[in-house]
Amino acid sequence: MLDKNGIERCDYIHAHPGIIEAAQAAMPDEELLYDLAELYKVFGDSTRIKILYVLFEAEMCVCDIAQLLGMTQSAISHQLRVLKGSKLVKNRRDGKTVFYSLADDHVRTILGQGMGHITEED
């Protein structure tokens, strides 16, 4: 049945205990859900997404990323700190230069699936 706003509603109030119990049993702990929400917030910034896509191609230093994206090294460093704090990128030092790369294949998968989702046609 549709209500006055066109939203589907149940004709009567009737819970389905089996469905509720199964969903409740599958629900992760509150802390894990919070951490997951925080991870997805990191993906909510287009500059960070650009940096991740740049790192798909090769590990790079801050200077390379800044030049490629037309941004300051300070701005890139700030975003890299956020990405590193979320375990999405890692770094290695070679002399005085620090190179950044994707932390693991999970990052590539998350971005690939997100891109696939937004580019799929109905």
PDB file of N, CA and C in Angstrom:
ATOM      1  N   MET A   1       0.848  -1.178   0.000  1.00  0.00           N
ATOM      2  CA  MET A   1       0.000   0.000   0.000  1.00  0.00           C
ATOM      3  C   MET A   1       0.891   1.239   0.000  1.00  0.00           C
ATOM      4  N   LEU A   2       0.511   2.248  -0.788  1.00  0.00           N
ATOM      5  CA  LEU A   2       1.262   3.496  -0.833  1.00  0.00           C
ATOM      6  C   LEU A   2       0.608   4.522   0.074  1.00  0.00           C
ATOM      7  N   ASP A   3       1.435   5.290   0.801  1.00  0.00           N
ATOM      8  CA  ASP A   3       0.872   6.350   1.636  1.00  0.00           C
ATOM      9  C   ASP A   3       0.648   7.596   0.783  1.00  0.00           C
ATOM     10  N   LYS A   4       0.243   8.696   1.403  1.00  0.00           N
ATOM     11  CA  LYS A   4      -0.081   9.922   0.660  1.00  0.00           C
ATOM     12  C   LYS A   4       1.127  10.517  -0.055  1.00  0.00           C
ATOM     13  N   ASN A   5       2.359  10.118   0.346  1.00  0.00           N
ATOM     14  CA  ASN A   5       3.582  10.606  -0.297  1.00  0.00           C
ATOM     15  C   ASN A   5       4.110   9.644  -1.354  1.00  0.00           C
ATOM     16  N   GLY A   6       3.374   8.573  -1.598  1.00  0.00           N
ATOM     17  CA  GLY A   6       3.782   7.597  -2.595  1.00  0.00           C
ATOM     18  C   GLY A   6       4.816   6.605  -2.090  1.00  0.00           C
ATOM     19  N   ILE A   7       4.997   6.541  -0.777  1.00  0.00           N
ATOM     20  CA  ILE A   7       5.949   5.611  -0.181  1.00  0.00           C
ATOM     21  C   ILE A   7       5.224   4.338   0.211  1.00  0.00           C
ATOM     22  N   GLU A   8       5.837   3.201  -0.138  1.00  0.00           N
ATOM     23  CA  GLU A   8       5.207   1.925   0.175  1.00  0.00           C
ATOM     24  C   GLU A   8       5.237   1.673   1.678  1.00  0.00           C
ATOM     25  N   ARG A   9       4.109   1.321   2.225  1.00  0.00           N
ATOM     26  CA  ARG A   9       3.961   1.014   3.652  1.00  0.00           C
ATOM     27  C   ARG A   9       3.272  -0.333   3.800  1.00  0.00           C
ATOM     28  N   CYS A  10       3.546  -0.999   4.919  1.00  0.00           N
ATOM     29  CA  CYS A  10       2.834  -2.245   5.215  1.00  0.00           C
ATOM     30  C   CYS A  10       1.382  -1.922   5.519  1.00  0.00           C
ATOM     31  N   ASP A  11       0.470  -2.818   5.128  1.00  0.00           N
ATOM     32  CA  ASP A  11      -0.943  -2.632   5.432  1.00  0.00           C
ATOM     33  C   ASP A  11      -1.199  -2.732   6.931  1.00  0.00           C
ATOM     34  N   TYR A  12      -0.372  -3.479   7.605  1.00  0.00           N
ATOM     35  CA  TYR A  12      -0.546  -3.657   9.046  1.00  0.00           C
ATOM     36  C   TYR A  12       0.838  -3.774   9.675  1.00  0.00           C
ATOM     37  N   ILE A  13       0.885  -3.541  10.940  1.00  0.00           N
ATOM     38  CA  ILE A  13       2.157  -3.644  11.650  1.00  0.00           C
ATOM     39  C   ILE A  13       2.380  -5.094  12.025  1.00  0.00           C
ATOM     40  N   HIS A  14       3.425  -5.666  11.452  1.00  0.00           N
ATOM     41  CA  HIS A  14       3.727  -7.070  11.720  1.00  0.00           C
ATOM     42  C   HIS A  14       5.225  -7.271  11.528  1.00  0.00           C
ATOM     43  N   ALA A  15       5.920  -7.531  12.590  1.00  0.00           N
ATOM     44  CA  ALA A  15       7.356  -7.777  12.515  1.00  0.00           C
ATOM     45  C   ALA A  15       7.601  -9.212  12.071  1.00  0.00           C
ATOM     46  N   HIS A  16       8.744  -9.449  11.493  1.00  0.00           N
ATOM     47  CA  HIS A  16       9.151 -10.774  11.047  1.00  0.00           C
ATOM     48  C   HIS A  16      10.360 -11.176  11.888  1.00  0.00           C
ATOM     49  N   PRO A  17      10.116 -11.823  13.025  1.00  0.00           N
ATOM     50  CA  PRO A  17      11.190 -12.116  13.982  1.00  0.00           C
ATOM     51  C   PRO A  17      12.384 -12.853  13.383  1.00  0.00           C
ATOM     52  N   GLY A  18      12.165 -13.807  12.520  1.00  0.00           N
ATOM     53  CA  GLY A  18      13.269 -14.562  11.922  1.00  0.00           C
ATOM     54  C   GLY A  18      14.190 -13.677  11.107  1.00  0.00           C
ATOM     55  N   ILE A  19      13.588 -12.783  10.325  1.00  0.00           N
ATOM     56  CA  ILE A  19      14.365 -11.860   9.501  1.00  0.00           C
ATOM     57  C   ILE A  19      15.135 -10.897  10.391  1.00  0.00           C
ATOM     58  N   ILE A  20      14.469 -10.377  11.412  1.00  0.00           N
ATOM     59  CA  ILE A  20      15.099  -9.426  12.329  1.00  0.00           C
ATOM     60  C   ILE A  20      16.274 -10.082  13.062  1.00  0.00           C
ATOM     61  N   GLU A  21      16.084 -11.299  13.549  1.00  0.00           N
ATOM     62  CA  GLU A  21      17.141 -12.007  14.275  1.00  0.00           C
ATOM     63  C   GLU A  21      18.350 -12.286  13.372  1.00  0.00           C
ATOM     64  N   ALA A  22      18.094 -12.697  12.136  1.00  0.00           N
ATOM     65  CA  ALA A  22      19.186 -12.988  11.204  1.00  0.00           C
ATOM     66  C   ALA A  22      19.976 -11.719  10.884  1.00  0.00           C
ATOM     67  N   ALA A  23      19.258 -10.624  10.656  1.00  0.00           N
ATOM     68  CA  ALA A  23      19.940  -9.356  10.362  1.00  0.00           C
ATOM     69  C   ALA A  23      20.729  -8.872  11.567  1.00  0.00           C
ATOM     70  N   GLN A  24      20.159  -9.024  12.740  1.00  0.00           N
ATOM     71  CA  GLN A  24      20.831  -8.596  13.960  1.00  0.00           C
ATOM     72  C   GLN A  24      22.096  -9.429  14.211  1.00  0.00           C
ATOM     73  N   ALA A  25      22.029 -10.717  13.942  1.00  0.00           N
ATOM     74  CA  ALA A  25      23.187 -11.594  14.128  1.00  0.00           C
ATOM     75  C   ALA A  25      24.315 -11.247  13.153  1.00  0.00           C
ATOM     76  N   ALA A  26      23.947 -10.772  11.965  1.00  0.00           N
ATOM     77  CA  ALA A  26      24.942 -10.433  10.943  1.00  0.00           C
ATOM     78  C   ALA A  26      25.512  -9.030  11.112  1.00  0.00           C
ATOM     79  N   MET A  27      24.890  -8.222  11.953  1.00  0.00           N
ATOM     80  CA  MET A  27      25.308  -6.831  12.126  1.00  0.00           C
ATOM     81  C   MET A  27      26.652  -6.761  12.851  1.00  0.00           C
ATOM     82  N   PRO A  28      27.646  -6.095  12.249  1.00  0.00           N
ATOM     83  CA  PRO A  28      28.943  -5.935  12.926  1.00  0.00           C
ATOM     84  C   PRO A  28      28.815  -5.073  14.184  1.00  0.00           C
ATOM     85  N   ASP A  29      29.833  -5.139  15.035  1.00  0.00           N
ATOM     86  CA  ASP A  29      29.861  -4.307  16.237  1.00  0.00           C
ATOM     87  C   ASP A  29      29.768  -2.839  15.865  1.00  0.00           C
ATOM     88  N   GLU A  30      29.224  -2.063  16.776  1.00  0.00           N
ATOM     89  CA  GLU A  30      29.057  -0.617  16.569  1.00  0.00           C
ATOM     90  C   GLU A  30      30.391   0.055  16.245  1.00  0.00           C
ATOM     91  N   GLU A  31      31.456  -0.340  16.921  1.00  0.00           N
ATOM     92  CA  GLU A  31      32.773   0.268  16.692  1.00  0.00           C
ATOM     93  C   GLU A  31      33.268   0.007  15.266  1.00  0.00           C
ATOM     94  N   LEU A  32      33.042  -1.201  14.765  1.00  0.00           N
ATOM     95  CA  LEU A  32      33.431  -1.510  13.388  1.00  0.00           C
ATOM     96  C   LEU A  32      32.628  -0.693  12.386  1.00  0.00           C
ATOM     97  N   LEU A  33      31.354  -0.533  12.646  1.00  0.00           N
ATOM     98  CA  LEU A  33      30.516   0.281  11.751  1.00  0.00           C
ATOM     99  C   LEU A  33      30.974   1.737  11.752  1.00  0.00           C
ATOM    100  N   TYR A  34      31.346   2.235  12.909  1.00  0.00           N
ATOM    101  CA  TYR A  34      31.868   3.602  13.011  1.00  0.00           C
ATOM    102  C   TYR A  34      33.155   3.722  12.191  1.00  0.00           C
ATOM    103  N   ASP A  35      34.072   2.754  12.353  1.00  0.00           N
ATOM    104  CA  ASP A  35      35.332   2.782  11.614  1.00  0.00           C
ATOM    105  C   ASP A  35      35.097   2.712  10.108  1.00  0.00           C
ATOM    106  N   LEU A  36      34.130   1.924   9.693  1.00  0.00           N
ATOM    107  CA  LEU A  36      33.800   1.832   8.271  1.00  0.00           C
ATOM    108  C   LEU A  36      33.268   3.162   7.749  1.00  0.00           C
ATOM    109  N   ALA A  37      32.406   3.796   8.517  1.00  0.00           N
ATOM    110  CA  ALA A  37      31.878   5.111   8.122  1.00  0.00           C
ATOM    111  C   ALA A  37      33.009   6.130   8.013  1.00  0.00           C
ATOM    112  N   GLU A  38      33.949   6.088   8.944  1.00  0.00           N
ATOM    113  CA  GLU A  38      35.097   6.997   8.902  1.00  0.00           C
ATOM    114  C   GLU A  38      35.950   6.749   7.657  1.00  0.00           C
ATOM    115  N   LEU A  39      36.133   5.475   7.293  1.00  0.00           N
ATOM    116  CA  LEU A  39      36.898   5.155   6.090  1.00  0.00           C
ATOM    117  C   LEU A  39      36.232   5.763   4.865  1.00  0.00           C
ATOM    118  N   TYR A  40      34.919   5.607   4.763  1.00  0.00           N
ATOM    119  CA  TYR A  40      34.227   6.139   3.595  1.00  0.00           C
ATOM    120  C   TYR A  40      34.235   7.666   3.559  1.00  0.00           C
ATOM    121  N   LYS A  41      34.332   8.304   4.699  1.00  0.00           N
ATOM    122  CA  LYS A  41      34.465   9.768   4.714  1.00  0.00           C
ATOM    123  C   LYS A  41      35.735  10.210   4.005  1.00  0.00           C
ATOM    124  N   VAL A  42      36.792   9.414   4.132  1.00  0.00           N
ATOM    125  CA  VAL A  42      38.061   9.741   3.482  1.00  0.00           C
ATOM    126  C   VAL A  42      37.877   9.778   1.971  1.00  0.00           C
ATOM    127  N   PHE A  43      37.028   8.918   1.456  1.00  0.00           N
ATOM    128  CA  PHE A  43      36.765   8.887   0.012  1.00  0.00           C
ATOM    129  C   PHE A  43      35.861  10.029  -0.435  1.00  0.00           C
ATOM    130  N   GLY A  44      35.391  10.846   0.491  1.00  0.00           N
ATOM    131  CA  GLY A  44      34.475  11.933   0.178  1.00  0.00           C
ATOM    132  C   GLY A  44      35.152  13.204  -0.294  1.00  0.00           C
ATOM    133  N   ASP A  45      36.433  13.156  -0.581  1.00  0.00           N
ATOM    134  CA  ASP A  45      37.171  14.342  -1.022  1.00  0.00           C
ATOM    135  C   ASP A  45      37.793  14.044  -2.385  1.00  0.00           C
ATOM    136  N   SER A  46      37.477  14.872  -3.380  1.00  0.00           N
ATOM    137  CA  SER A  46      37.941  14.586  -4.744  1.00  0.00           C
ATOM    138  C   SER A  46      39.457  14.688  -4.868  1.00  0.00           C
ATOM    139  N   THR A  47      40.105  15.527  -4.078  1.00  0.00           N
ATOM    140  CA  THR A  47      41.567  15.605  -4.132  1.00  0.00           C
ATOM    141  C   THR A  47      42.183  14.285  -3.678  1.00  0.00           C
ATOM    142  N   ARG A  48      41.656  13.714  -2.607  1.00  0.00           N
ATOM    143  CA  ARG A  48      42.177  12.433  -2.143  1.00  0.00           C
ATOM    144  C   ARG A  48      41.930  11.331  -3.179  1.00  0.00           C
ATOM    145  N   ILE A  49      40.776  11.366  -3.820  1.00  0.00           N
ATOM    146  CA  ILE A  49      40.481  10.387  -4.883  1.00  0.00           C
ATOM    147  C   ILE A  49      41.488  10.547  -6.023  1.00  0.00           C
ATOM    148  N   LYS A  50      41.779  11.781  -6.416  1.00  0.00           N
ATOM    149  CA  LYS A  50      42.769  12.022  -7.479  1.00  0.00           C
ATOM    150  C   LYS A  50      44.125  11.457  -7.084  1.00  0.00           C
ATOM    151  N   ILE A  51      44.535  11.690  -5.851  1.00  0.00           N
ATOM    152  CA  ILE A  51      45.826  11.178  -5.388  1.00  0.00           C
ATOM    153  C   ILE A  51      45.838   9.655  -5.468  1.00  0.00           C
ATOM    154  N   LEU A  52      44.773   9.025  -5.026  1.00  0.00           N
ATOM    155  CA  LEU A  52      44.715   7.558  -5.086  1.00  0.00           C
ATOM    156  C   LEU A  52      44.809   7.064  -6.523  1.00  0.00           C
ATOM    157  N   TYR A  53      44.111   7.734  -7.451  1.00  0.00           N
ATOM    158  CA  TYR A  53      44.174   7.322  -8.850  1.00  0.00           C
ATOM    159  C   TYR A  53      45.561   7.526  -9.431  1.00  0.00           C
ATOM    160  N   VAL A  54      46.242   8.601  -9.045  1.00  0.00           N
ATOM    161  CA  VAL A  54      47.619   8.839  -9.486  1.00  0.00           C
ATOM    162  C   VAL A  54      48.510   7.692  -9.008  1.00  0.00           C
ATOM    163  N   LEU A  55      48.287   7.256  -7.779  1.00  0.00           N
ATOM    164  CA  LEU A  55      49.112   6.191  -7.208  1.00  0.00           C
ATOM    165  C   LEU A  55      48.780   4.815  -7.777  1.00  0.00           C
ATOM    166  N   PHE A  56      47.690   4.707  -8.548  1.00  0.00           N
ATOM    167  CA  PHE A  56      47.401   3.472  -9.291  1.00  0.00           C
ATOM    168  C   PHE A  56      48.556   3.201 -10.261  1.00  0.00           C
ATOM    169  N   GLU A  57      49.066   4.274 -10.850  1.00  0.00           N
ATOM    170  CA  GLU A  57      50.038   4.157 -11.934  1.00  0.00           C
ATOM    171  C   GLU A  57      51.447   3.875 -11.444  1.00  0.00           C
ATOM    172  N   ALA A  58      51.846   4.518 -10.372  1.00  0.00           N
ATOM    173  CA  ALA A  58      53.219   4.353  -9.881  1.00  0.00           C
ATOM    174  C   ALA A  58      53.336   4.979  -8.504  1.00  0.00           C
ATOM    175  N   GLU A  59      54.341   4.556  -7.751  1.00  0.00           N
ATOM    176  CA  GLU A  59      54.611   5.253  -6.509  1.00  0.00           C
ATOM    177  C   GLU A  59      55.225   6.596  -6.880  1.00  0.00           C
ATOM    178  N   MET A  60      54.910   7.601  -6.095  1.00  0.00           N
ATOM    179  CA  MET A  60      55.373   8.951  -6.401  1.00  0.00           C
ATOM    180  C   MET A  60      55.710   9.694  -5.123  1.00  0.00           C
ATOM    181  N   CYS A  61      56.547  10.707  -5.276  1.00  0.00           N
ATOM    182  CA  CYS A  61      56.840  11.588  -4.153  1.00  0.00           C
ATOM    183  C   CYS A  61      55.849  12.750  -4.171  1.00  0.00           C
ATOM    184  N   VAL A  62      55.852  13.506  -3.105  1.00  0.00           N
ATOM    185  CA  VAL A  62      54.939  14.650  -2.981  1.00  0.00           C
ATOM    186  C   VAL A  62      55.121  15.622  -4.139  1.00  0.00           C
ATOM    187  N   CYS A  63      56.384  15.873  -4.518  1.00  0.00           N
ATOM    188  CA  CYS A  63      56.661  16.819  -5.613  1.00  0.00           C
ATOM    189  C   CYS A  63      55.996  16.385  -6.921  1.00  0.00           C
ATOM    190  N   ASP A  64      56.120  15.087  -7.232  1.00  0.00           N
ATOM    191  CA  ASP A  64      55.515  14.562  -8.466  1.00  0.00           C
ATOM    192  C   ASP A  64      54.000  14.716  -8.444  1.00  0.00           C
ATOM    193  N   ILE A  65      53.389  14.348  -7.324  1.00  0.00           N
ATOM    194  CA  ILE A  65      51.927  14.416  -7.212  1.00  0.00           C
ATOM    195  C   ILE A  65      51.460  15.860  -7.302  1.00  0.00           C
ATOM    196  N   ALA A  66      52.157  16.766  -6.617  1.00  0.00           N
ATOM    197  CA  ALA A  66      51.789  18.185  -6.641  1.00  0.00           C
ATOM    198  C   ALA A  66      51.858  18.741  -8.054  1.00  0.00           C
ATOM    199  N   GLN A  67      52.922  18.423  -8.770  1.00  0.00           N
ATOM    200  CA  GLN A  67      53.058  18.913 -10.141  1.00  0.00           C
ATOM    201  C   GLN A  67      51.971  18.332 -11.032  1.00  0.00           C
ATOM    202  N   LEU A  68      51.726  17.049 -10.915  1.00  0.00           N
ATOM    203  CA  LEU A  68      50.717  16.383 -11.745  1.00  0.00           C
ATOM    204  C   LEU A  68      49.325  16.961 -11.520  1.00  0.00           C
ATOM    205  N   LEU A  69      48.974  17.230 -10.255  1.00  0.00           N
ATOM    206  CA  LEU A  69      47.633  17.721  -9.933  1.00  0.00           C
ATOM    207  C   LEU A  69      47.533  19.242  -9.899  1.00  0.00           C
ATOM    208  N   GLY A  70      48.650  19.929 -10.098  1.00  0.00           N
ATOM    209  CA  GLY A  70      48.625  21.390 -10.101  1.00  0.00           C
ATOM    210  C   GLY A  70      48.284  21.970  -8.736  1.00  0.00           C
ATOM    211  N   MET A  71      48.842  21.364  -7.700  1.00  0.00           N
ATOM    212  CA  MET A  71      48.566  21.796  -6.331  1.00  0.00           C
ATOM    213  C   MET A  71      49.882  22.034  -5.604  1.00  0.00           C
ATOM    214  N   THR A  72      49.796  22.631  -4.426  1.00  0.00           N
ATOM    215  CA  THR A  72      51.000  22.863  -3.641  1.00  0.00           C
ATOM    216  C   THR A  72      51.431  21.570  -2.952  1.00  0.00           C
ATOM    217  N   GLN A  73      52.719  21.502  -2.664  1.00  0.00           N
ATOM    218  CA  GLN A  73      53.239  20.346  -1.940  1.00  0.00           C
ATOM    219  C   GLN A  73      52.610  20.255  -0.553  1.00  0.00           C
ATOM    220  N   SER A  74      52.349  21.401   0.049  1.00  0.00           N
ATOM    221  CA  SER A  74      51.727  21.428   1.372  1.00  0.00           C
ATOM    222  C   SER A  74      50.330  20.800   1.330  1.00  0.00           C
ATOM    223  N   ALA A  75      49.552  21.152   0.329  1.00  0.00           N
ATOM    224  CA  ALA A  75      48.195  20.605   0.203  1.00  0.00           C
ATOM    225  C   ALA A  75      48.243  19.092  -0.026  1.00  0.00           C
ATOM    226  N   ILE A  76      49.172  18.648  -0.861  1.00  0.00           N
ATOM    227  CA  ILE A  76      49.308  17.217  -1.129  1.00  0.00           C
ATOM    228  C   ILE A  76      49.758  16.484   0.128  1.00  0.00           C
ATOM    229  N   SER A  77      50.717  17.052   0.839  1.00  0.00           N
ATOM    230  CA  SER A  77      51.208  16.424   2.071  1.00  0.00           C
ATOM    231  C   SER A  77      50.091  16.254   3.086  1.00  0.00           C
ATOM    232  N   HIS A  78      49.259  17.273   3.196  1.00  0.00           N
ATOM    233  CA  HIS A  78      48.134  17.196   4.131  1.00  0.00           C
ATOM    234  C   HIS A  78      47.209  16.032   3.768  1.00  0.00           C
ATOM    235  N   GLN A  79      46.866  15.926   2.497  1.00  0.00           N
ATOM    236  CA  GLN A  79      45.963  14.854   2.060  1.00  0.00           C
ATOM    237  C   GLN A  79      46.617  13.476   2.194  1.00  0.00           C
ATOM    238  N   LEU A  80      47.912  13.399   1.946  1.00  0.00           N
ATOM    239  CA  LEU A  80      48.619  12.131   2.115  1.00  0.00           C
ATOM    240  C   LEU A  80      48.626  11.692   3.579  1.00  0.00           C
ATOM    241  N   ARG A  81      48.724  12.647   4.510  1.00  0.00           N
ATOM    242  CA  ARG A  81      48.654  12.296   5.932  1.00  0.00           C
ATOM    243  C   ARG A  81      47.307  11.669   6.263  1.00  0.00           C
ATOM    244  N   VAL A  82      46.230  12.239   5.705  1.00  0.00           N
ATOM    245  CA  VAL A  82      44.889  11.690   5.926  1.00  0.00           C
ATOM    246  C   VAL A  82      44.799  10.278   5.342  1.00  0.00           C
ATOM    247  N   LEU A  83      45.280  10.114   4.121  1.00  0.00           N
ATOM    248  CA  LEU A  83      45.225   8.807   3.455  1.00  0.00           C
ATOM    249  C   LEU A  83      46.087   7.770   4.183  1.00  0.00           C
ATOM    250  N   LYS A  84      47.241   8.189   4.655  1.00  0.00           N
ATOM    251  CA  LYS A  84      48.109   7.271   5.396  1.00  0.00           C
ATOM    252  C   LYS A  84      47.475   6.906   6.735  1.00  0.00           C
ATOM    253  N   GLY A  85      46.866   7.888   7.402  1.00  0.00           N
ATOM    254  CA  GLY A  85      46.187   7.627   8.669  1.00  0.00           C
ATOM    255  C   GLY A  85      45.038   6.645   8.533  1.00  0.00           C
ATOM    256  N   SER A  86      44.450   6.598   7.359  1.00  0.00           N
ATOM    257  CA  SER A  86      43.353   5.659   7.081  1.00  0.00           C
ATOM    258  C   SER A  86      43.853   4.354   6.468  1.00  0.00           C
ATOM    259  N   LYS A  87      45.163   4.207   6.408  1.00  0.00           N
ATOM    260  CA  LYS A  87      45.805   2.994   5.884  1.00  0.00           C
ATOM    261  C   LYS A  87      45.473   2.739   4.419  1.00  0.00           C
ATOM    262  N   LEU A  88      45.291   3.821   3.658  1.00  0.00           N
ATOM    263  CA  LEU A  88      45.017   3.689   2.231  1.00  0.00           C
ATOM    264  C   LEU A  88      46.279   3.845   1.393  1.00  0.00           C
ATOM    265  N   VAL A  89      47.278   4.542   1.936  1.00  0.00           N
ATOM    266  CA  VAL A  89      48.572   4.665   1.272  1.00  0.00           C
ATOM    267  C   VAL A  89      49.666   4.302   2.267  1.00  0.00           C
ATOM    268  N   LYS A  90      50.801   3.934   1.712  1.00  0.00           N
ATOM    269  CA  LYS A  90      51.987   3.657   2.523  1.00  0.00           C
ATOM    270  C   LYS A  90      53.143   4.440   1.917  1.00  0.00           C
ATOM    271  N   ASN A  91      54.228   4.526   2.645  1.00  0.00           N
ATOM    272  CA  ASN A  91      55.372   5.251   2.118  1.00  0.00           C
ATOM    273  C   ASN A  91      56.663   4.486   2.377  1.00  0.00           C
ATOM    274  N   ARG A  92      57.667   4.854   1.602  1.00  0.00           N
ATOM    275  CA  ARG A  92      59.010   4.328   1.812  1.00  0.00           C
ATOM    276  C   ARG A  92      59.987   5.461   1.541  1.00  0.00           C
ATOM    277  N   ARG A  93      61.081   5.450   2.277  1.00  0.00           N
ATOM    278  CA  ARG A  93      62.089   6.499   2.149  1.00  0.00           C
ATOM    279  C   ARG A  93      63.236   5.980   1.285  1.00  0.00           C
ATOM    280  N   ASP A  94      63.676   6.844   0.370  1.00  0.00           N
ATOM    281  CA  ASP A  94      64.861   6.569  -0.443  1.00  0.00           C
ATOM    282  C   ASP A  94      65.750   7.804  -0.333  1.00  0.00           C
ATOM    283  N   GLY A  95      66.715   7.745   0.565  1.00  0.00           N
ATOM    284  CA  GLY A  95      67.524   8.930   0.848  1.00  0.00           C
ATOM    285  C   GLY A  95      66.662   9.974   1.528  1.00  0.00           C
ATOM    286  N   LYS A  96      66.607  11.154   0.941  1.00  0.00           N
ATOM    287  CA  LYS A  96      65.788  12.239   1.507  1.00  0.00           C
ATOM    288  C   LYS A  96      64.377  12.266   0.938  1.00  0.00           C
ATOM    289  N   THR A  97      64.123  11.432  -0.058  1.00  0.00           N
ATOM    290  CA  THR A  97      62.825  11.448  -0.732  1.00  0.00           C
ATOM    291  C   THR A  97      61.918  10.361  -0.164  1.00  0.00           C
ATOM    292  N   VAL A  98      60.653  10.727   0.066  1.00  0.00           N
ATOM    293  CA  VAL A  98      59.652   9.771   0.527  1.00  0.00           C
ATOM    294  C   VAL A  98      58.711   9.482  -0.641  1.00  0.00           C
ATOM    295  N   PHE A  99      58.562   8.221  -0.963  1.00  0.00           N
ATOM    296  CA  PHE A  99      57.677   7.797  -2.047  1.00  0.00           C
ATOM    297  C   PHE A  99      56.412   7.187  -1.460  1.00  0.00           C
ATOM    298  N   TYR A 100      55.278   7.499  -2.074  1.00  0.00           N
ATOM    299  CA  TYR A 100      53.978   7.001  -1.623  1.00  0.00           C
ATOM    300  C   TYR A 100      53.417   6.039  -2.649  1.00  0.00           C
ATOM    301  N   SER A 101      52.674   5.046  -2.158  1.00  0.00           N
ATOM    302  CA  SER A 101      51.996   4.090  -3.029  1.00  0.00           C
ATOM    303  C   SER A 101      50.714   3.638  -2.340  1.00  0.00           C
ATOM    304  N   LEU A 102      49.858   2.951  -3.091  1.00  0.00           N
ATOM    305  CA  LEU A 102      48.645   2.402  -2.497  1.00  0.00           C
ATOM    306  C   LEU A 102      49.038   1.368  -1.446  1.00  0.00           C
ATOM    307  N   ALA A 103      48.299   1.334  -0.364  1.00  0.00           N
ATOM    308  CA  ALA A 103      48.642   0.439   0.739  1.00  0.00           C
ATOM    309  C   ALA A 103      48.514  -1.029   0.349  1.00  0.00           C
ATOM    310  N   ASP A 104      47.482  -1.359  -0.429  1.00  0.00           N
ATOM    311  CA  ASP A 104      47.278  -2.747  -0.841  1.00  0.00           C
ATOM    312  C   ASP A 104      46.229  -2.797  -1.944  1.00  0.00           C
ATOM    313  N   ASP A 105      45.934  -4.005  -2.404  1.00  0.00           N
ATOM    314  CA  ASP A 105      44.977  -4.172  -3.501  1.00  0.00           C
ATOM    315  C   ASP A 105      43.541  -3.847  -3.096  1.00  0.00           C
ATOM    316  N   HIS A 106      43.254  -3.821  -1.789  1.00  0.00           N
ATOM    317  CA  HIS A 106      41.905  -3.458  -1.354  1.00  0.00           C
ATOM    318  C   HIS A 106      41.544  -2.050  -1.826  1.00  0.00           C
ATOM    319  N   VAL A 107      42.494  -1.147  -1.784  1.00  0.00           N
ATOM    320  CA  VAL A 107      42.247   0.240  -2.193  1.00  0.00           C
ATOM    321  C   VAL A 107      41.870   0.274  -3.665  1.00  0.00           C
ATOM    322  N   ARG A 108      42.611  -0.462  -4.466  1.00  0.00           N
ATOM    323  CA  ARG A 108      42.323  -0.547  -5.908  1.00  0.00           C
ATOM    324  C   ARG A 108      40.919  -1.124  -6.135  1.00  0.00           C
ATOM    325  N   THR A 109      40.568  -2.150  -5.371  1.00  0.00           N
ATOM    326  CA  THR A 109      39.255  -2.789  -5.502  1.00  0.00           C
ATOM    327  C   THR A 109      38.129  -1.835  -5.111  1.00  0.00           C
ATOM    328  N   ILE A 110      38.299  -1.138  -3.999  1.00  0.00           N
ATOM    329  CA  ILE A 110      37.261  -0.193  -3.542  1.00  0.00           C
ATOM    330  C   ILE A 110      37.007   0.873  -4.597  1.00  0.00           C
ATOM    331  N   LEU A 111      38.079   1.465  -5.112  1.00  0.00           N
ATOM    332  CA  LEU A 111      37.922   2.507  -6.136  1.00  0.00           C
ATOM    333  C   LEU A 111      37.353   1.936  -7.427  1.00  0.00           C
ATOM    334  N   GLY A 112      37.827   0.762  -7.820  1.00  0.00           N
ATOM    335  CA  GLY A 112      37.333   0.140  -9.048  1.00  0.00           C
ATOM    336  C   GLY A 112      35.856  -0.176  -8.971  1.00  0.00           C
ATOM    337  N   GLN A 113      35.415  -0.708  -7.838  1.00  0.00           N
ATOM    338  CA  GLN A 113      33.997  -1.019  -7.695  1.00  0.00           C
ATOM    339  C   GLN A 113      33.152   0.249  -7.624  1.00  0.00           C
ATOM    340  N   GLY A 114      33.668   1.265  -6.963  1.00  0.00           N
ATOM    341  CA  GLY A 114      32.936   2.543  -6.919  1.00  0.00           C
ATOM    342  C   GLY A 114      32.786   3.132  -8.306  1.00  0.00           C
ATOM    343  N   MET A 115      33.865   3.123  -9.074  1.00  0.00           N
ATOM    344  CA  MET A 115      33.817   3.659 -10.433  1.00  0.00           C
ATOM    345  C   MET A 115      32.877   2.828 -11.296  1.00  0.00           C
ATOM    346  N   GLY A 116      32.937   1.522 -11.145  1.00  0.00           N
ATOM    347  CA  GLY A 116      32.023   0.650 -11.894  1.00  0.00           C
ATOM    348  C   GLY A 116      30.571   0.937 -11.567  1.00  0.00           C
ATOM    349  N   HIS A 117      30.300   1.210 -10.304  1.00  0.00           N
ATOM    350  CA  HIS A 117      28.932   1.494  -9.875  1.00  0.00           C
ATOM    351  C   HIS A 117      28.406   2.788 -10.482  1.00  0.00           C
ATOM    352  N   ILE A 118      29.223   3.842 -10.470  1.00  0.00           N
ATOM    353  CA  ILE A 118      28.716   5.131 -10.967  1.00  0.00           C
ATOM    354  C   ILE A 118      28.687   5.212 -12.498  1.00  0.00           C
ATOM    355  N   THR A 119      29.446   4.319 -13.170  1.00  0.00           N
ATOM    356  CA  THR A 119      29.452   4.369 -14.643  1.00  0.00           C
ATOM    357  C   THR A 119      28.554   3.319 -15.279  1.00  0.00           C
ATOM    358  N   GLU A 120      27.935   2.456 -14.464  1.00  0.00           N
ATOM    359  CA  GLU A 120      27.074   1.440 -15.056  1.00  0.00           C
ATOM    360  C   GLU A 120      25.794   2.072 -15.592  1.00  0.00           C
ATOM    361  N   GLU A 121      25.319   1.484 -16.659  1.00  0.00           N
ATOM    362  CA  GLU A 121      24.092   1.992 -17.270  1.00  0.00           C
ATOM    363  C   GLU A 121      22.930   1.119 -16.868  1.00  0.00           C
ATOM    364  N   ASP A 122      21.763   1.721 -16.770  1.00  0.00           N
ATOM    365  CA  ASP A 122      20.562   0.978 -16.377  1.00  0.00           C
ATOM    366  C   ASP A 122      20.132   0.002 -17.429  1.00  0.00           C
TER     367      ASP A 122
END
